[in-house]
Amino acid sequence: LSLHDALPISEASQYIVWMDDALAIELGADIHGAVGDVFINADGFKKSISAPGPGNYITMAKAVASAKAILGEESIRLRSLIQAHGSSTPQNRVTESQIFDQVAQVFGIENWPVSAVKAYVGHSLSAASGEQLIASLGVFKYGLIPGIKTIDKVADDVFADRLQISTKDVFASQPLDVAFLNSKGFGGNNATASIFAPHVVERMLARRYGDTIIARYEDKREQVRAAAQAYDQAAQRGDFATIYHFGEGLIDESQIKLDQDKVQLPGFAHAVDLTFTNRFADMCE
């Protein structure tokens, strides 16, 4: 959603730890958000690589409809955010904003905040939506929606009647419940994901697990947060040791025993089973 014709390409990596909710509760993990749904749709025919095609209409509409079913209409209308694909091309700003505008109209959204992290970091050669995800977790935590500060103003051809596209950072008037990550696959897959804010996730987990388990989880989480803060402070001082396990815990290959029925590895009680039946027997007679 910028006025620039150039699309900078960047190298990047993102590290996100995904957990099953039961495991997060067991470990006392600090929850920064949760994935609601991910919708993917590929376009079979296109006249140009610079248009998202119908697939992105489908994924965006599905993501919003799914989040509405889970969180309710008010969350979608008043407490949601878009992380635009925002590839910094004139064509992209028109086609993507038109999708957002139409979806907003259908779901009664009048002032939908839009951010576009690619304006700062370029188009990552890894998973480009990784930056969108991490930026969204930051929005949930701090309430600050990054403005698109690489432009002087929003272009006249952008469909912005129902969108809030700011050239300055904006503090959300209230905590956001959900962010929609949008990726337009120019000639490939289109995808849109809904990411729920941590306060929404904690409310859902409380209903699933009950007061007793959640109280135990919160006690564990305080320990986890304290350990994380201590590590962060030490790391900022340069006071940390690299964990290096090269060559440790290897299996002694000279102790491996095998026959036609099994492979027995040292230190493992159960062997790897090599007995197979012919599942294509009816085709091999």
Protein backbone atom coordinates (compact mmCIF):
# COMPACT_ATOMS: atom_id res chain seq x y z
CA LEU A 1 0.00 0.00 0.00
CA SER A 2 2.75 2.47 -0.83
CA LEU A 3 3.35 4.96 -3.60
CA HIS A 4 6.69 3.44 -4.56
CA ASP A 5 7.14 1.38 -7.71
CA ALA A 6 10.13 -0.56 -6.41
CA LEU A 7 9.74 -3.77 -4.46
CA PRO A 8 12.74 -4.39 -2.19
CA ILE A 9 13.69 -8.01 -1.66
CA SER A 10 15.03 -9.03 1.74
CA GLU A 11 16.45 -12.06 3.45
CA ALA A 12 14.93 -12.94 6.79
CA SER A 13 14.11 -15.69 9.22
CA GLN A 14 11.38 -15.87 11.80
CA TYR A 15 11.23 -18.19 14.80
CA ILE A 16 7.85 -18.88 16.37
CA VAL A 17 7.14 -21.68 18.84
CA TRP A 18 3.77 -23.31 18.19
CA MET A 19 2.24 -25.43 20.96
CA ASP A 20 -0.86 -27.47 21.48
CA ASP A 21 -2.96 -25.68 24.11
CA ALA A 22 -2.66 -28.63 26.54
CA LEU A 23 1.14 -28.49 26.31
CA ALA A 24 1.15 -24.72 26.86
CA ILE A 25 -0.96 -25.18 29.99
CA GLU A 26 1.30 -27.99 31.23
CA LEU A 27 4.51 -26.00 30.73
CA GLY A 28 3.20 -22.63 31.90
CA ALA A 29 4.15 -21.10 28.56
CA ASP A 30 3.59 -17.38 28.09
CA ILE A 31 0.95 -17.21 25.34
CA HIS A 32 1.40 -14.37 22.85
CA GLY A 33 -1.45 -15.34 20.52
CA ALA A 34 -3.10 -18.25 18.74
CA VAL A 35 -3.98 -19.22 15.19
CA GLY A 36 -7.69 -19.26 14.54
CA ASP A 37 -7.81 -20.51 10.96
CA VAL A 38 -5.69 -20.41 7.82
CA PHE A 39 -7.39 -20.38 4.43
CA ILE A 40 -5.55 -21.03 1.16
CA ASN A 41 -6.88 -20.80 -2.37
CA ALA A 42 -5.06 -20.99 -5.69
CA ASP A 43 -6.21 -19.31 -8.88
CA GLY A 44 -6.32 -21.48 -11.96
CA PHE A 45 -6.27 -18.69 -14.54
CA LYS A 46 -4.79 -15.20 -14.46
CA LYS A 47 -4.22 -12.45 -16.99
CA SER A 48 -1.43 -10.86 -14.96
CA ILE A 49 0.81 -11.72 -12.05
CA SER A 50 0.12 -8.33 -10.48
CA ALA A 51 -3.50 -9.09 -9.52
CA PRO A 52 -4.56 -11.25 -6.58
CA GLY A 53 -7.36 -12.95 -8.46
CA PRO A 54 -10.51 -14.41 -6.93
CA GLY A 55 -8.54 -16.65 -4.57
CA ASN A 56 -7.68 -13.78 -2.25
CA TYR A 57 -11.31 -12.66 -2.09
CA ILE A 58 -12.16 -16.18 -0.96
CA THR A 59 -9.43 -16.49 1.67
CA MET A 60 -10.03 -13.04 3.15
CA ALA A 61 -13.80 -13.49 3.33
CA LYS A 62 -13.42 -16.95 4.87
CA ALA A 63 -10.96 -15.75 7.50
CA VAL A 64 -13.21 -12.90 8.60
CA ALA A 65 -16.33 -15.09 8.58
CA SER A 66 -14.56 -17.77 10.63
CA ALA A 67 -13.29 -15.26 13.20
CA LYS A 68 -16.75 -13.72 13.44
CA ALA A 69 -18.23 -17.14 14.19
CA ILE A 70 -15.69 -17.71 16.98
CA LEU A 71 -15.31 -14.24 18.49
CA GLY A 72 -18.53 -12.49 17.55
CA GLU A 73 -19.47 -9.59 15.30
CA GLU A 74 -18.29 -6.85 17.67
CA SER A 75 -14.72 -8.19 17.74
CA ILE A 76 -14.56 -8.11 13.95
CA ARG A 77 -16.14 -4.69 13.52
CA LEU A 78 -14.38 -2.84 16.35
CA ARG A 79 -11.30 -4.79 17.47
CA SER A 80 -9.63 -6.29 14.41
CA LEU A 81 -6.59 -5.40 12.30
CA ILE A 82 -5.32 -6.22 8.81
CA GLN A 83 -1.69 -6.97 8.06
CA ALA A 84 -1.66 -6.26 4.33
CA HIS A 85 0.51 -8.10 1.83
CA GLY A 86 1.49 -4.57 0.80
CA SER A 87 4.06 -5.30 -1.90
CA SER A 88 4.78 -1.63 -2.60
CA THR A 89 3.51 -1.63 -6.19
CA PRO A 90 0.85 0.67 -7.67
CA GLN A 91 -1.18 -2.29 -8.91
CA ASN A 92 -1.05 -4.05 -5.57
CA ARG A 93 -2.35 -1.08 -3.61
CA VAL A 94 -5.47 -0.96 -5.77
CA THR A 95 -6.28 -4.66 -5.99
CA GLU A 96 -5.61 -5.51 -2.36
CA SER A 97 -7.37 -2.46 -0.93
CA GLN A 98 -10.40 -3.27 -3.07
CA ILE A 99 -10.61 -6.72 -1.47
CA PHE A 100 -10.40 -5.21 2.01
CA ASP A 101 -13.00 -2.58 1.18
CA GLN A 102 -15.50 -5.12 -0.14
CA VAL A 103 -15.02 -7.47 2.80
CA ALA A 104 -15.38 -4.54 5.21
CA GLN A 105 -18.62 -3.52 3.56
CA VAL A 106 -20.06 -7.03 3.79
CA PHE A 107 -19.20 -7.42 7.49
CA GLY A 108 -20.16 -3.89 8.54
CA ILE A 109 -16.62 -2.68 9.29
CA GLU A 110 -16.33 1.09 8.94
CA ASN A 111 -12.78 2.00 10.02
CA TRP A 112 -10.54 -1.05 9.59
CA PRO A 113 -6.90 -0.50 10.68
CA VAL A 114 -4.41 -1.60 8.01
CA SER A 115 -0.69 -2.07 8.54
CA ALA A 116 1.95 -3.31 6.07
CA VAL A 117 5.26 -4.41 7.56
CA LYS A 118 6.82 -4.99 4.13
CA ALA A 119 7.01 -1.22 3.83
CA TYR A 120 9.89 -1.44 6.32
CA VAL A 121 11.55 -4.80 5.71
CA GLY A 122 10.82 -5.53 2.05
CA HIS A 123 9.50 -8.82 0.71
CA SER A 124 11.16 -11.63 2.59
CA LEU A 125 12.51 -14.54 0.59
CA SER A 126 11.43 -16.80 3.42
CA ALA A 127 7.87 -16.87 4.70
CA ALA A 128 6.87 -13.26 4.04
CA SER A 129 3.91 -13.54 6.41
CA GLY A 130 6.28 -14.31 9.27
CA GLU A 131 6.95 -10.60 9.69
CA GLN A 132 3.21 -9.95 9.64
CA LEU A 133 2.72 -12.47 12.43
CA ILE A 134 5.49 -11.15 14.64
CA ALA A 135 4.37 -7.55 14.08
CA SER A 136 0.82 -8.55 15.06
CA LEU A 137 2.03 -10.12 18.31
CA GLY A 138 3.72 -6.80 19.04
CA VAL A 139 0.49 -4.93 18.35
CA PHE A 140 -1.35 -7.22 20.78
CA LYS A 141 1.28 -6.66 23.46
CA TYR A 142 1.85 -2.91 23.16
CA GLY A 143 -1.30 -1.65 21.44
CA LEU A 144 0.74 0.24 18.83
CA ILE A 145 -0.33 -0.19 15.20
CA PRO A 146 2.62 0.64 12.92
CA GLY A 147 1.79 3.29 10.37
CA ILE A 148 2.89 3.04 6.74
CA LYS A 149 5.53 5.73 7.08
CA THR A 150 7.24 5.09 3.75
CA ILE A 151 4.57 7.15 1.98
CA ASP A 152 3.65 10.83 2.12
CA LYS A 153 -0.04 10.12 1.71
CA VAL A 154 -2.43 7.38 0.69
CA ALA A 155 -2.77 7.26 -3.10
CA ASP A 156 -6.03 8.48 -4.59
CA ASP A 157 -6.73 5.16 -6.30
CA VAL A 158 -6.67 3.18 -3.05
CA PHE A 159 -10.07 1.94 -1.87
CA ALA A 160 -9.83 3.53 1.57
CA ASP A 161 -13.38 4.61 2.47
CA ARG A 162 -13.70 1.86 5.08
CA LEU A 163 -10.00 1.45 5.86
CA GLN A 164 -7.83 3.23 8.41
CA ILE A 165 -4.48 3.61 6.63
CA SER A 166 -2.24 5.85 8.67
CA THR A 167 1.16 7.28 7.77
CA LYS A 168 1.92 7.52 11.50
CA ASP A 169 1.96 4.99 14.30
CA VAL A 170 -1.43 4.76 16.00
CA PHE A 171 -2.31 3.49 19.45
CA ALA A 172 -5.41 1.33 19.36
CA SER A 173 -8.27 2.87 21.33
CA GLN A 174 -8.91 -0.53 22.92
CA PRO A 175 -7.14 -3.92 22.95
CA LEU A 176 -7.45 -5.69 19.61
CA ASP A 177 -8.93 -9.20 19.53
CA VAL A 178 -7.76 -10.48 16.16
CA ALA A 179 -5.36 -9.71 13.32
CA PHE A 180 -5.77 -10.93 9.75
CA LEU A 181 -2.55 -11.78 7.91
CA ASN A 182 -3.01 -11.52 4.16
CA SER A 183 -0.73 -12.95 1.47
CA LYS A 184 -1.45 -12.55 -2.20
CA GLY A 185 0.07 -15.29 -4.30
CA PHE A 186 0.90 -13.64 -7.62
CA GLY A 187 0.24 -16.63 -9.85
CA GLY A 188 0.24 -19.05 -6.90
CA ASN A 189 -1.55 -19.61 -3.64
CA ASN A 190 -3.42 -16.85 -1.82
CA ALA A 191 -3.68 -17.16 1.95
CA THR A 192 -5.30 -15.38 4.87
CA ALA A 193 -4.90 -16.32 8.53
CA SER A 194 -6.65 -15.11 11.67
CA ILE A 195 -4.48 -14.61 14.77
CA PHE A 196 -6.20 -14.22 18.13
CA ALA A 197 -4.85 -11.91 20.83
CA PRO A 198 -3.55 -13.46 24.06
CA HIS A 199 -6.38 -12.10 26.22
CA VAL A 200 -8.85 -13.80 23.88
CA VAL A 201 -6.92 -17.06 24.03
CA GLU A 202 -6.70 -16.97 27.82
CA ARG A 203 -10.45 -16.42 28.06
CA MET A 204 -11.06 -19.43 25.80
CA LEU A 205 -8.63 -21.62 27.76
CA ALA A 206 -10.28 -20.67 31.05
CA ARG A 207 -13.58 -22.02 29.78
CA ARG A 208 -11.95 -25.21 28.50
CA TYR A 209 -9.82 -26.10 31.53
CA GLY A 210 -11.56 -24.51 34.54
CA ASP A 211 -10.36 -22.39 37.45
CA THR A 212 -8.18 -24.97 39.20
CA ILE A 213 -6.04 -25.88 36.21
CA ILE A 214 -5.78 -22.26 35.06
CA ALA A 215 -4.63 -21.14 38.54
CA ARG A 216 -1.91 -23.80 38.43
CA TYR A 217 -0.98 -22.67 34.92
CA GLU A 218 -0.70 -19.02 36.02
CA ASP A 219 1.67 -20.01 38.84
CA LYS A 220 3.90 -21.83 36.36
CA ARG A 221 3.69 -18.93 33.93
CA GLU A 222 5.05 -16.50 36.52
CA GLN A 223 8.13 -18.70 36.87
CA VAL A 224 8.50 -18.86 33.09
CA ARG A 225 8.19 -15.09 32.76
CA ALA A 226 10.75 -14.51 35.50
CA ALA A 227 13.21 -16.88 33.82
CA ALA A 228 12.63 -15.23 30.43
CA GLN A 229 13.18 -11.75 31.85
CA ALA A 230 16.37 -12.82 33.60
CA TYR A 231 17.68 -14.39 30.40
CA ASP A 232 16.81 -11.27 28.39
CA GLN A 233 18.61 -8.97 30.81
CA ALA A 234 21.66 -11.24 30.80
CA ALA A 235 21.65 -11.40 27.01
CA GLN A 236 21.53 -7.60 26.75
CA ARG A 237 24.66 -7.50 28.91
CA GLY A 238 26.32 -10.08 26.66
CA ASP A 239 26.28 -12.49 29.57
CA PHE A 240 25.06 -15.72 28.07
CA ALA A 241 26.62 -19.02 27.09
CA THR A 242 25.88 -20.68 23.77
CA ILE A 243 24.28 -24.09 24.15
CA TYR A 244 26.36 -26.47 22.07
CA HIS A 245 25.58 -30.18 21.93
CA PHE A 246 27.56 -31.22 18.87
CA GLY A 247 28.57 -34.88 19.05
CA GLU A 248 26.56 -35.59 22.20
CA GLY A 249 24.00 -38.36 22.53
CA LEU A 250 24.98 -40.14 19.33
CA ILE A 251 23.97 -43.74 18.67
CA ASP A 252 26.90 -46.15 18.41
CA GLU A 253 26.37 -47.46 14.91
CA SER A 254 28.67 -50.43 15.58
CA GLN A 255 26.05 -51.69 18.07
CA ILE A 256 23.15 -51.64 15.62
CA LYS A 257 21.74 -55.10 14.94
CA LEU A 258 19.43 -55.91 12.07
CA ASP A 259 17.81 -58.84 10.34
CA GLN A 260 14.92 -59.24 7.92
CA ASP A 261 12.34 -58.58 10.63
CA LYS A 262 13.76 -55.72 12.67
CA VAL A 263 16.44 -53.11 13.35
CA GLN A 264 17.60 -52.99 16.97
CA LEU A 265 19.26 -49.74 18.11
CA PRO A 266 21.35 -49.63 21.29
CA GLY A 267 19.58 -47.90 24.16
CA PHE A 268 16.09 -48.42 22.73
CA ALA A 269 13.81 -51.08 24.21
CA HIS A 270 11.77 -51.55 21.06
CA ALA A 271 13.15 -52.47 17.66
CA VAL A 272 12.17 -50.85 14.36
CA ASP A 273 9.72 -53.26 12.75
CA LEU A 274 10.53 -54.39 9.21
CA THR A 275 7.58 -56.76 8.74
CA PHE A 276 5.33 -55.54 5.96
CA THR A 277 2.37 -57.00 4.13
CA ASN A 278 1.64 -56.39 0.48
CA ARG A 279 -1.15 -53.81 0.50
CA PHE A 280 -1.31 -54.13 -3.30
CA ALA A 281 -1.82 -57.88 -3.23
CA ASP A 282 -4.98 -57.68 -5.32
CA MET A 283 -2.98 -55.88 -8.03
CA CYS A 284 0.03 -58.17 -8.03
CA GLU A 285 -1.54 -61.58 -8.72
